[in-house]
């Protein structure tokens, strides 16, 4: 994950899902799962804290085998680190 301040004054998300030798169907499925996790966990927490960040998440090969709950937990952990009150 890469993070920088956003000129947009709101959190923004980009996903990078390399092929890692997978078919397009698997890649699109992983993108949808990551996008949903960010929609549910990451972006609301950053918005609530007023964090204006550009966030880029790059999927590793292991993400293809991960269950949705595991991805959601990892994204939630990232949200805690990024958007928690200091």
PDB file of N, CA and C in Angstrom:
ATOM      1  N   UNK A   1       0.847  -1.168   0.000  1.00  0.00           N
ATOM      2  CA  UNK A   1       0.000   0.000   0.000  1.00  0.00           C
ATOM      3  C   UNK A   1       0.893   1.232   0.000  1.00  0.00           C
ATOM      4  N   UNK A   2       0.491   2.220  -0.763  1.00  0.00           N
ATOM      5  CA  UNK A   2       1.183   3.493  -0.832  1.00  0.00           C
ATOM      6  C   UNK A   2       0.179   4.586  -0.480  1.00  0.00           C
ATOM      7  N   UNK A   3       0.629   5.577   0.276  1.00  0.00           N
ATOM      8  CA  UNK A   3      -0.270   6.636   0.737  1.00  0.00           C
ATOM      9  C   UNK A   3       0.411   7.982   0.567  1.00  0.00           C
ATOM     10  N   UNK A   4      -0.365   8.971   0.140  1.00  0.00           N
ATOM     11  CA  UNK A   4       0.121  10.340   0.051  1.00  0.00           C
ATOM     12  C   UNK A   4      -1.052  11.280   0.316  1.00  0.00           C
ATOM     13  N   UNK A   5      -0.764  12.534   0.600  1.00  0.00           N
ATOM     14  CA  UNK A   5      -1.834  13.516   0.805  1.00  0.00           C
ATOM     15  C   UNK A   5      -2.586  13.733  -0.504  1.00  0.00           C
ATOM     16  N   UNK A   6      -3.881  13.953  -0.388  1.00  0.00           N
ATOM     17  CA  UNK A   6      -4.720  14.125  -1.566  1.00  0.00           C
ATOM     18  C   UNK A   6      -5.037  15.596  -1.790  1.00  0.00           C
ATOM     19  N   UNK A   7      -4.855  16.083  -3.007  1.00  0.00           N
ATOM     20  CA  UNK A   7      -5.264  17.450  -3.307  1.00  0.00           C
ATOM     21  C   UNK A   7      -6.784  17.580  -3.410  1.00  0.00           C
ATOM     22  N   UNK A   8      -7.491  16.458  -3.413  1.00  0.00           N
ATOM     23  CA  UNK A   8      -8.951  16.460  -3.587  1.00  0.00           C
ATOM     24  C   UNK A   8      -9.704  16.733  -2.290  1.00  0.00           C
ATOM     25  N   UNK A   9      -9.003  16.822  -1.163  1.00  0.00           N
ATOM     26  CA  UNK A   9      -9.614  17.094   0.143  1.00  0.00           C
ATOM     27  C   UNK A   9     -10.571  15.998   0.601  1.00  0.00           C
ATOM     28  N   UNK A  10     -10.405  14.800   0.068  1.00  0.00           N
ATOM     29  CA  UNK A  10     -11.184  13.640   0.477  1.00  0.00           C
ATOM     30  C   UNK A  10     -10.343  12.411   0.167  1.00  0.00           C
ATOM     31  N   UNK A  11     -10.635  11.298   0.810  1.00  0.00           N
ATOM     32  CA  UNK A  11      -9.852  10.089   0.502  1.00  0.00           C
ATOM     33  C   UNK A  11     -10.203   9.531  -0.868  1.00  0.00           C
ATOM     34  N   UNK A  12      -9.171   9.079  -1.581  1.00  0.00           N
ATOM     35  CA  UNK A  12      -9.362   8.448  -2.882  1.00  0.00           C
ATOM     36  C   UNK A  12      -8.602   7.132  -2.895  1.00  0.00           C
ATOM     37  N   UNK A  13      -9.079   6.188  -3.679  1.00  0.00           N
ATOM     38  CA  UNK A  13      -8.506   4.849  -3.704  1.00  0.00           C
ATOM     39  C   UNK A  13      -8.173   4.424  -5.125  1.00  0.00           C
ATOM     40  N   UNK A  14      -7.033   3.753  -5.266  1.00  0.00           N
ATOM     41  CA  UNK A  14      -6.662   3.121  -6.526  1.00  0.00           C
ATOM     42  C   UNK A  14      -6.242   1.691  -6.212  1.00  0.00           C
ATOM     43  N   UNK A  15      -6.630   0.767  -7.059  1.00  0.00           N
ATOM     44  CA  UNK A  15      -6.264  -0.638  -6.897  1.00  0.00           C
ATOM     45  C   UNK A  15      -5.364  -1.072  -8.043  1.00  0.00           C
ATOM     46  N   UNK A  16      -4.305  -1.787  -7.704  1.00  0.00           N
ATOM     47  CA  UNK A  16      -3.423  -2.366  -8.699  1.00  0.00           C
ATOM     48  C   UNK A  16      -3.462  -3.871  -8.465  1.00  0.00           C
ATOM     49  N   UNK A  17      -3.980  -4.594  -9.445  1.00  0.00           N
ATOM     50  CA  UNK A  17      -4.105  -6.046  -9.319  1.00  0.00           C
ATOM     51  C   UNK A  17      -3.359  -6.676 -10.501  1.00  0.00           C
ATOM     52  N   UNK A  18      -2.077  -7.012 -10.293  1.00  0.00           N
ATOM     53  CA  UNK A  18      -1.301  -7.652 -11.360  1.00  0.00           C
ATOM     54  C   UNK A  18      -1.847  -9.037 -11.701  1.00  0.00           C
ATOM     55  N   UNK A  19      -1.514  -9.518 -12.864  1.00  0.00           N
ATOM     56  CA  UNK A  19      -2.019 -10.804 -13.330  1.00  0.00           C
ATOM     57  C   UNK A  19      -1.497 -11.976 -12.511  1.00  0.00           C
ATOM     58  N   UNK A  20      -0.221 -11.950 -12.177  1.00  0.00           N
ATOM     59  CA  UNK A  20       0.402 -13.050 -11.436  1.00  0.00           C
ATOM     60  C   UNK A  20       0.023 -14.396 -12.034  1.00  0.00           C
ATOM     61  N   UNK A  21      -0.068 -14.469 -13.374  1.00  0.00           N
ATOM     62  CA  UNK A  21      -0.370 -15.723 -14.054  1.00  0.00           C
ATOM     63  C   UNK A  21      -1.818 -16.167 -13.947  1.00  0.00           C
ATOM     64  N   UNK A  22      -2.706 -15.264 -13.569  1.00  0.00           N
ATOM     65  CA  UNK A  22      -4.130 -15.619 -13.394  1.00  0.00           C
ATOM     66  C   UNK A  22      -4.936 -15.193 -14.606  1.00  0.00           C
ATOM     67  N   UNK A  23      -6.125 -15.747 -14.696  1.00  0.00           N
ATOM     68  CA  UNK A  23      -7.043 -15.385 -15.777  1.00  0.00           C
ATOM     69  C   UNK A  23      -7.787 -14.101 -15.408  1.00  0.00           C
ATOM     70  N   UNK A  24      -8.340 -13.446 -16.409  1.00  0.00           N
ATOM     71  CA  UNK A  24      -9.019 -12.168 -16.214  1.00  0.00           C
ATOM     72  C   UNK A  24     -10.207 -12.293 -15.264  1.00  0.00           C
ATOM     73  N   UNK A  25     -10.888 -13.423 -15.279  1.00  0.00           N
ATOM     74  CA  UNK A  25     -12.037 -13.622 -14.392  1.00  0.00           C
ATOM     75  C   UNK A  25     -11.596 -13.581 -12.931  1.00  0.00           C
ATOM     76  N   UNK A  26     -10.484 -14.259 -12.638  1.00  0.00           N
ATOM     77  CA  UNK A  26      -9.962 -14.261 -11.266  1.00  0.00           C
ATOM     78  C   UNK A  26      -9.497 -12.873 -10.852  1.00  0.00           C
ATOM     79  N   UNK A  27      -8.868 -12.193 -11.783  1.00  0.00           N
ATOM     80  CA  UNK A  27      -8.371 -10.833 -11.511  1.00  0.00           C
ATOM     81  C   UNK A  27      -9.532  -9.876 -11.229  1.00  0.00           C
ATOM     82  N   UNK A  28     -10.573  -9.935 -12.024  1.00  0.00           N
ATOM     83  CA  UNK A  28     -11.734  -9.065 -11.817  1.00  0.00           C
ATOM     84  C   UNK A  28     -12.436  -9.380 -10.503  1.00  0.00           C
ATOM     85  N   UNK A  29     -12.513 -10.655 -10.154  1.00  0.00           N
ATOM     86  CA  UNK A  29     -13.131 -11.063  -8.886  1.00  0.00           C
ATOM     87  C   UNK A  29     -12.348 -10.484  -7.707  1.00  0.00           C
ATOM     88  N   UNK A  30     -11.021 -10.559  -7.776  1.00  0.00           N
ATOM     89  CA  UNK A  30     -10.195 -10.001  -6.700  1.00  0.00           C
ATOM     90  C   UNK A  30     -10.362  -8.484  -6.621  1.00  0.00           C
ATOM     91  N   UNK A  31     -10.407  -7.819  -7.774  1.00  0.00           N
ATOM     92  CA  UNK A  31     -10.620  -6.362  -7.766  1.00  0.00           C
ATOM     93  C   UNK A  31     -11.935  -5.994  -7.101  1.00  0.00           C
ATOM     94  N   UNK A  32     -12.991  -6.738  -7.407  1.00  0.00           N
ATOM     95  CA  UNK A  32     -14.297  -6.463  -6.790  1.00  0.00           C
ATOM     96  C   UNK A  32     -14.250  -6.675  -5.280  1.00  0.00           C
ATOM     97  N   UNK A  33     -13.575  -7.729  -4.833  1.00  0.00           N
ATOM     98  CA  UNK A  33     -13.480  -8.005  -3.399  1.00  0.00           C
ATOM     99  C   UNK A  33     -12.685  -6.918  -2.679  1.00  0.00           C
ATOM    100  N   UNK A  34     -11.587  -6.463  -3.286  1.00  0.00           N
ATOM    101  CA  UNK A  34     -10.792  -5.397  -2.679  1.00  0.00           C
ATOM    102  C   UNK A  34     -11.564  -4.071  -2.655  1.00  0.00           C
ATOM    103  N   UNK A  35     -12.254  -3.782  -3.742  1.00  0.00           N
ATOM    104  CA  UNK A  35     -13.031  -2.542  -3.819  1.00  0.00           C
ATOM    105  C   UNK A  35     -14.134  -2.520  -2.759  1.00  0.00           C
ATOM    106  N   UNK A  36     -14.802  -3.649  -2.578  1.00  0.00           N
ATOM    107  CA  UNK A  36     -15.864  -3.737  -1.573  1.00  0.00           C
ATOM    108  C   UNK A  36     -15.291  -3.589  -0.162  1.00  0.00           C
ATOM    109  N   UNK A  37     -14.153  -4.200   0.089  1.00  0.00           N
ATOM    110  CA  UNK A  37     -13.509  -4.058   1.397  1.00  0.00           C
ATOM    111  C   UNK A  37     -13.126  -2.618   1.686  1.00  0.00           C
ATOM    112  N   UNK A  38     -12.609  -1.941   0.693  1.00  0.00           N
ATOM    113  CA  UNK A  38     -12.248  -0.535   0.879  1.00  0.00           C
ATOM    114  C   UNK A  38     -13.493   0.320   1.078  1.00  0.00           C
ATOM    115  N   UNK A  39     -14.561  -0.001   0.364  1.00  0.00           N
ATOM    116  CA  UNK A  39     -15.805   0.760   0.502  1.00  0.00           C
ATOM    117  C   UNK A  39     -16.393   0.605   1.896  1.00  0.00           C
ATOM    118  N   UNK A  40     -16.289  -0.591   2.458  1.00  0.00           N
ATOM    119  CA  UNK A  40     -16.876  -0.857   3.767  1.00  0.00           C
ATOM    120  C   UNK A  40     -15.981  -0.432   4.933  1.00  0.00           C
ATOM    121  N   UNK A  41     -14.677  -0.580   4.797  1.00  0.00           N
ATOM    122  CA  UNK A  41     -13.764  -0.390   5.923  1.00  0.00           C
ATOM    123  C   UNK A  41     -12.907   0.873   5.820  1.00  0.00           C
ATOM    124  N   UNK A  42     -12.189   1.004   4.735  1.00  0.00           N
ATOM    125  CA  UNK A  42     -11.146   2.025   4.633  1.00  0.00           C
ATOM    126  C   UNK A  42     -11.682   3.436   4.402  1.00  0.00           C
ATOM    127  N   UNK A  43     -12.452   3.617   3.364  1.00  0.00           N
ATOM    128  CA  UNK A  43     -12.899   4.965   3.010  1.00  0.00           C
ATOM    129  C   UNK A  43     -13.804   5.614   4.064  1.00  0.00           C
ATOM    130  N   UNK A  44     -14.761   4.887   4.661  1.00  0.00           N
ATOM    131  CA  UNK A  44     -15.585   5.535   5.693  1.00  0.00           C
ATOM    132  C   UNK A  44     -14.772   6.005   6.900  1.00  0.00           C
ATOM    133  N   UNK A  45     -13.815   5.200   7.330  1.00  0.00           N
ATOM    134  CA  UNK A  45     -12.995   5.595   8.486  1.00  0.00           C
ATOM    135  C   UNK A  45     -12.164   6.828   8.180  1.00  0.00           C
ATOM    136  N   UNK A  46     -11.597   6.880   6.978  1.00  0.00           N
ATOM    137  CA  UNK A  46     -10.794   8.046   6.603  1.00  0.00           C
ATOM    138  C   UNK A  46     -11.673   9.286   6.464  1.00  0.00           C
ATOM    139  N   UNK A  47     -12.874   9.105   5.905  1.00  0.00           N
ATOM    140  CA  UNK A  47     -13.797  10.237   5.777  1.00  0.00           C
ATOM    141  C   UNK A  47     -14.210  10.766   7.141  1.00  0.00           C
ATOM    142  N   UNK A  48     -14.505   9.850   8.065  1.00  0.00           N
ATOM    143  CA  UNK A  48     -14.932  10.259   9.410  1.00  0.00           C
ATOM    144  C   UNK A  48     -13.851  11.050  10.134  1.00  0.00           C
ATOM    145  N   UNK A  49     -12.615  10.738   9.858  1.00  0.00           N
ATOM    146  CA  UNK A  49     -11.493  11.434  10.514  1.00  0.00           C
ATOM    147  C   UNK A  49     -11.058  12.676   9.740  1.00  0.00           C
ATOM    148  N   UNK A  50     -11.629  12.877   8.577  1.00  0.00           N
ATOM    149  CA  UNK A  50     -11.264  14.036   7.766  1.00  0.00           C
ATOM    150  C   UNK A  50      -9.915  13.879   7.093  1.00  0.00           C
ATOM    151  N   UNK A  51      -9.468  12.633   6.913  1.00  0.00           N
ATOM    152  CA  UNK A  51      -8.174  12.376   6.290  1.00  0.00           C
ATOM    153  C   UNK A  51      -8.299  12.465   4.775  1.00  0.00           C
ATOM    154  N   UNK A  52      -7.588  13.404   4.183  1.00  0.00           N
ATOM    155  CA  UNK A  52      -7.574  13.558   2.728  1.00  0.00           C
ATOM    156  C   UNK A  52      -6.337  12.843   2.203  1.00  0.00           C
ATOM    157  N   UNK A  53      -6.505  11.591   1.816  1.00  0.00           N
ATOM    158  CA  UNK A  53      -5.386  10.755   1.388  1.00  0.00           C
ATOM    159  C   UNK A  53      -5.661  10.139   0.030  1.00  0.00           C
ATOM    160  N   UNK A  54      -4.599   9.959  -0.736  1.00  0.00           N
ATOM    161  CA  UNK A  54      -4.644   9.125  -1.934  1.00  0.00           C
ATOM    162  C   UNK A  54      -4.028   7.799  -1.524  1.00  0.00           C
ATOM    163  N   UNK A  55      -4.791   6.721  -1.665  1.00  0.00           N
ATOM    164  CA  UNK A  55      -4.362   5.404  -1.204  1.00  0.00           C
ATOM    165  C   UNK A  55      -4.301   4.466  -2.407  1.00  0.00           C
ATOM    166  N   UNK A  56      -3.154   3.824  -2.585  1.00  0.00           N
ATOM    167  CA  UNK A  56      -2.977   2.850  -3.652  1.00  0.00           C
ATOM    168  C   UNK A  56      -2.725   1.497  -2.996  1.00  0.00           C
ATOM    169  N   UNK A  57      -3.565   0.524  -3.301  1.00  0.00           N
ATOM    170  CA  UNK A  57      -3.393  -0.832  -2.786  1.00  0.00           C
ATOM    171  C   UNK A  57      -2.974  -1.721  -3.948  1.00  0.00           C
ATOM    172  N   UNK A  58      -1.825  -2.383  -3.766  1.00  0.00           N
ATOM    173  CA  UNK A  58      -1.316  -3.315  -4.779  1.00  0.00           C
ATOM    174  C   UNK A  58      -1.470  -4.725  -4.224  1.00  0.00           C
ATOM    175  N   UNK A  59      -2.201  -5.550  -4.942  1.00  0.00           N
ATOM    176  CA  UNK A  59      -2.469  -6.920  -4.499  1.00  0.00           C
ATOM    177  C   UNK A  59      -1.246  -7.802  -4.721  1.00  0.00           C
ATOM    178  N   UNK A  60      -0.960  -8.610  -3.728  1.00  0.00           N
ATOM    179  CA  UNK A  60       0.111  -9.598  -3.841  1.00  0.00           C
ATOM    180  C   UNK A  60      -0.486 -10.896  -4.379  1.00  0.00           C
ATOM    181  N   UNK A  61       0.363 -11.810  -4.842  1.00  0.00           N
ATOM    182  CA  UNK A  61      -0.158 -13.080  -5.375  1.00  0.00           C
ATOM    183  C   UNK A  61      -1.010 -13.851  -4.367  1.00  0.00           C
ATOM    184  N   UNK A  62      -0.696 -13.748  -3.078  1.00  0.00           N
ATOM    185  CA  UNK A  62      -1.441 -14.470  -2.044  1.00  0.00           C
ATOM    186  C   UNK A  62      -2.885 -13.992  -1.929  1.00  0.00           C
ATOM    187  N   UNK A  63      -3.175 -12.795  -2.390  1.00  0.00           N
ATOM    188  CA  UNK A  63      -4.528 -12.241  -2.283  1.00  0.00           C
ATOM    189  C   UNK A  63      -5.530 -13.061  -3.093  1.00  0.00           C
ATOM    190  N   UNK A  64      -5.069 -13.729  -4.139  1.00  0.00           N
ATOM    191  CA  UNK A  64      -5.978 -14.538  -4.951  1.00  0.00           C
ATOM    192  C   UNK A  64      -6.548 -15.708  -4.160  1.00  0.00           C
ATOM    193  N   UNK A  65      -5.778 -16.255  -3.215  1.00  0.00           N
ATOM    194  CA  UNK A  65      -6.249 -17.395  -2.422  1.00  0.00           C
ATOM    195  C   UNK A  65      -6.964 -16.979  -1.145  1.00  0.00           C
ATOM    196  N   UNK A  66      -6.842 -15.729  -0.748  1.00  0.00           N
ATOM    197  CA  UNK A  66      -7.418 -15.264   0.518  1.00  0.00           C
ATOM    198  C   UNK A  66      -8.943 -15.257   0.460  1.00  0.00           C
ATOM    199  N   UNK A  67      -9.552 -15.552   1.602  1.00  0.00           N
ATOM    200  CA  UNK A  67     -11.006 -15.477   1.701  1.00  0.00           C
ATOM    201  C   UNK A  67     -11.420 -14.018   1.841  1.00  0.00           C
ATOM    202  N   UNK A  68     -12.663 -13.733   1.508  1.00  0.00           N
ATOM    203  CA  UNK A  68     -13.161 -12.356   1.569  1.00  0.00           C
ATOM    204  C   UNK A  68     -13.034 -11.777   2.981  1.00  0.00           C
ATOM    205  N   UNK A  69     -13.345 -12.586   3.997  1.00  0.00           N
ATOM    206  CA  UNK A  69     -13.260 -12.123   5.384  1.00  0.00           C
ATOM    207  C   UNK A  69     -11.823 -11.730   5.745  1.00  0.00           C
ATOM    208  N   UNK A  70     -10.860 -12.507   5.254  1.00  0.00           N
ATOM    209  CA  UNK A  70      -9.454 -12.208   5.529  1.00  0.00           C
ATOM    210  C   UNK A  70      -9.040 -10.892   4.870  1.00  0.00           C
ATOM    211  N   UNK A  71      -9.455 -10.675   3.622  1.00  0.00           N
ATOM    212  CA  UNK A  71      -9.150  -9.413   2.944  1.00  0.00           C
ATOM    213  C   UNK A  71      -9.793  -8.236   3.671  1.00  0.00           C
ATOM    214  N   UNK A  72     -11.031  -8.412   4.113  1.00  0.00           N
ATOM    215  CA  UNK A  72     -11.739  -7.365   4.834  1.00  0.00           C
ATOM    216  C   UNK A  72     -11.018  -7.016   6.137  1.00  0.00           C
ATOM    217  N   UNK A  73     -10.535  -8.032   6.853  1.00  0.00           N
ATOM    218  CA  UNK A  73      -9.797  -7.797   8.093  1.00  0.00           C
ATOM    219  C   UNK A  73      -8.487  -7.061   7.840  1.00  0.00           C
ATOM    220  N   UNK A  74      -7.790  -7.423   6.776  1.00  0.00           N
ATOM    221  CA  UNK A  74      -6.529  -6.747   6.462  1.00  0.00           C
ATOM    222  C   UNK A  74      -6.770  -5.288   6.084  1.00  0.00           C
ATOM    223  N   UNK A  75      -7.799  -5.041   5.304  1.00  0.00           N
ATOM    224  CA  UNK A  75      -8.118  -3.661   4.922  1.00  0.00           C
ATOM    225  C   UNK A  75      -8.550  -2.868   6.149  1.00  0.00           C
ATOM    226  N   UNK A  76      -9.299  -3.496   7.051  1.00  0.00           N
ATOM    227  CA  UNK A  76      -9.689  -2.843   8.299  1.00  0.00           C
ATOM    228  C   UNK A  76      -8.485  -2.496   9.144  1.00  0.00           C
ATOM    229  N   UNK A  77      -7.496  -3.370   9.181  1.00  0.00           N
ATOM    230  CA  UNK A  77      -6.261  -3.086   9.921  1.00  0.00           C
ATOM    231  C   UNK A  77      -5.503  -1.913   9.324  1.00  0.00           C
ATOM    232  N   UNK A  78      -5.468  -1.854   8.000  1.00  0.00           N
ATOM    233  CA  UNK A  78      -4.822  -0.719   7.333  1.00  0.00           C
ATOM    234  C   UNK A  78      -5.564   0.576   7.647  1.00  0.00           C
ATOM    235  N   UNK A  79      -6.882   0.495   7.675  1.00  0.00           N
ATOM    236  CA  UNK A  79      -7.683   1.687   7.994  1.00  0.00           C
ATOM    237  C   UNK A  79      -7.366   2.169   9.387  1.00  0.00           C
ATOM    238  N   UNK A  80      -7.223   1.249  10.330  1.00  0.00           N
ATOM    239  CA  UNK A  80      -6.872   1.629  11.712  1.00  0.00           C
ATOM    240  C   UNK A  80      -5.547   2.367  11.748  1.00  0.00           C
ATOM    241  N   UNK A  81      -4.564   1.843  11.046  1.00  0.00           N
ATOM    242  CA  UNK A  81      -3.240   2.462  11.028  1.00  0.00           C
ATOM    243  C   UNK A  81      -3.280   3.849  10.393  1.00  0.00           C
ATOM    244  N   UNK A  82      -3.976   3.953   9.279  1.00  0.00           N
ATOM    245  CA  UNK A  82      -3.984   5.210   8.520  1.00  0.00           C
ATOM    246  C   UNK A  82      -4.860   6.291   9.117  1.00  0.00           C
ATOM    247  N   UNK A  83      -6.031   5.906   9.537  1.00  0.00           N
ATOM    248  CA  UNK A  83      -7.061   6.894   9.824  1.00  0.00           C
ATOM    249  C   UNK A  83      -7.432   6.968  11.298  1.00  0.00           C
ATOM    250  N   UNK A  84      -6.644   6.349  12.161  1.00  0.00           N
ATOM    251  CA  UNK A  84      -6.972   6.427  13.591  1.00  0.00           C
ATOM    252  C   UNK A  84      -6.587   7.795  14.133  1.00  0.00           C
ATOM    253  N   UNK A  85      -7.270   8.191  15.174  1.00  0.00           N
ATOM    254  CA  UNK A  85      -6.971   9.479  15.790  1.00  0.00           C
ATOM    255  C   UNK A  85      -5.645   9.381  16.516  1.00  0.00           C
ATOM    256  N   UNK A  86      -4.801  10.375  16.308  1.00  0.00           N
ATOM    257  CA  UNK A  86      -3.484  10.371  16.944  1.00  0.00           C
ATOM    258  C   UNK A  86      -3.443  11.325  18.103  1.00  0.00           C
TER     259      UNK A  86
END
